[in-house]
Amino acid sequence: MPIDEMEERIGSRYDLVMLAAKRAKQLQEGAPPLVRTESTNPLTIALEEIAAGRYPRPEGEPEGILPVSDAGEDEEEGEEALEPGEQSEDED
């Protein structure tokens, strides 16, 4: 399956990369593959699982929903993220 189709299935390219990386790490640590494959490369296996629609969901997550990215997690409530090149008012 082409990457673009997997991206559509997952929701975004970022989420696809994060899901594949997390699953590859699980495979590297000994988790069994969820698809039959001749590959021994954990990332290839993870992508094959995603293409086949067979990948584990985080506990408590409904089907079709991926965890929200960590982007903006460090921002304090009420503060907006700075654009690249911008300085905060505190840096005067």
Protein backbone atom coordinates (compact mmCIF):
# COMPACT_ATOMS: atom_id res chain seq x y z
CA MET A 1 0.00 0.00 0.00
CA PRO A 2 1.39 3.43 -0.88
CA ILE A 3 2.35 5.76 1.96
CA ASP A 4 -0.30 8.28 0.85
CA GLU A 5 -3.06 5.70 1.36
CA MET A 6 -1.72 4.77 4.80
CA GLU A 7 -1.55 8.48 5.65
CA GLU A 8 -5.24 8.86 4.74
CA ARG A 9 -6.14 5.84 6.89
CA ILE A 10 -4.23 7.15 9.93
CA GLY A 11 -5.10 10.83 9.57
CA SER A 12 -1.80 12.61 9.02
CA ARG A 13 1.76 11.90 7.97
CA TYR A 14 2.97 12.83 11.46
CA ASP A 15 0.63 10.32 13.12
CA LEU A 16 1.67 7.65 10.60
CA VAL A 17 5.36 8.19 11.37
CA MET A 18 4.76 8.21 15.13
CA LEU A 19 2.61 5.06 15.01
CA ALA A 20 5.14 3.23 12.83
CA ALA A 21 8.04 4.28 15.08
CA LYS A 22 6.26 3.23 18.28
CA ARG A 23 5.23 -0.09 16.77
CA ALA A 24 8.75 -0.70 15.41
CA LYS A 25 10.12 -0.12 18.91
CA GLN A 26 7.63 -2.65 20.32
CA LEU A 27 8.72 -5.17 17.69
CA GLN A 28 12.39 -4.46 18.45
CA GLU A 29 11.67 -5.18 22.12
CA GLY A 30 10.15 -8.57 21.28
CA ALA A 31 6.47 -8.00 20.50
CA PRO A 32 5.19 -10.56 17.97
CA PRO A 33 4.34 -9.32 14.45
CA LEU A 34 0.62 -9.03 13.69
CA VAL A 35 1.09 -9.96 10.02
CA ARG A 36 2.95 -12.70 8.21
CA THR A 37 6.07 -11.27 6.65
CA GLU A 38 9.46 -12.31 5.41
CA SER A 39 11.01 -9.07 6.62
CA THR A 40 13.11 -8.90 9.76
CA ASN A 41 13.24 -5.09 9.80
CA PRO A 42 10.96 -3.79 12.60
CA LEU A 43 10.02 -0.61 10.72
CA THR A 44 9.12 -2.55 7.57
CA ILE A 45 7.01 -4.94 9.64
CA ALA A 46 5.29 -2.01 11.39
CA LEU A 47 4.44 -0.42 8.04
CA GLU A 48 3.15 -3.75 6.72
CA GLU A 49 0.91 -4.03 9.79
CA ILE A 50 -0.43 -0.53 9.24
CA ALA A 51 -1.03 -1.24 5.54
CA ALA A 52 -2.96 -4.39 6.51
CA GLY A 53 -4.99 -2.46 9.09
CA ARG A 54 -3.55 -4.59 11.89
CA TYR A 55 -1.86 -2.51 14.52
CA PRO A 56 -2.50 -2.23 18.23
CA ARG A 57 -4.47 0.73 19.55
CA PRO A 58 -3.54 2.40 22.82
CA GLU A 59 -5.67 1.02 25.65
CA GLY A 60 -8.99 2.83 25.92
CA GLU A 61 -8.77 4.40 22.45
CA PRO A 62 -11.79 3.72 20.22
CA GLU A 63 -11.17 2.28 16.76
CA GLY A 64 -10.27 4.99 14.26
CA ILE A 65 -8.94 7.39 16.88
CA LEU A 66 -5.24 8.01 17.39
CA PRO A 67 -3.73 9.71 20.41
CA VAL A 68 -3.40 13.47 20.17
CA SER A 69 0.15 14.55 19.36
CA ASP A 70 2.33 15.99 22.10
CA ALA A 71 2.61 19.30 20.23
CA GLY A 72 2.04 22.28 22.46
CA GLU A 73 2.08 20.23 25.64
CA ASP A 74 4.69 22.50 27.26
CA GLU A 75 2.70 25.68 26.67
CA GLU A 76 1.11 27.23 29.72
CA GLU A 77 -2.64 27.65 29.64
CA GLY A 78 -3.63 30.84 27.86
CA GLU A 79 -0.29 31.23 26.05
CA GLU A 80 0.03 30.80 22.33
CA ALA A 81 2.97 29.14 20.62
CA LEU A 82 5.53 31.46 19.05
CA GLU A 83 6.11 31.36 15.34
CA PRO A 84 9.68 30.58 14.20
CA GLY A 85 11.80 33.71 14.61
CA GLU A 86 9.41 35.40 17.05
CA GLN A 87 10.58 36.43 20.51
CA SER A 88 8.43 36.30 23.60
CA GLU A 89 7.62 39.54 25.38
CA ASP A 90 9.71 38.28 28.32
CA GLU A 91 12.88 38.29 26.18
CA ASP A 92 13.06 42.10 25.78
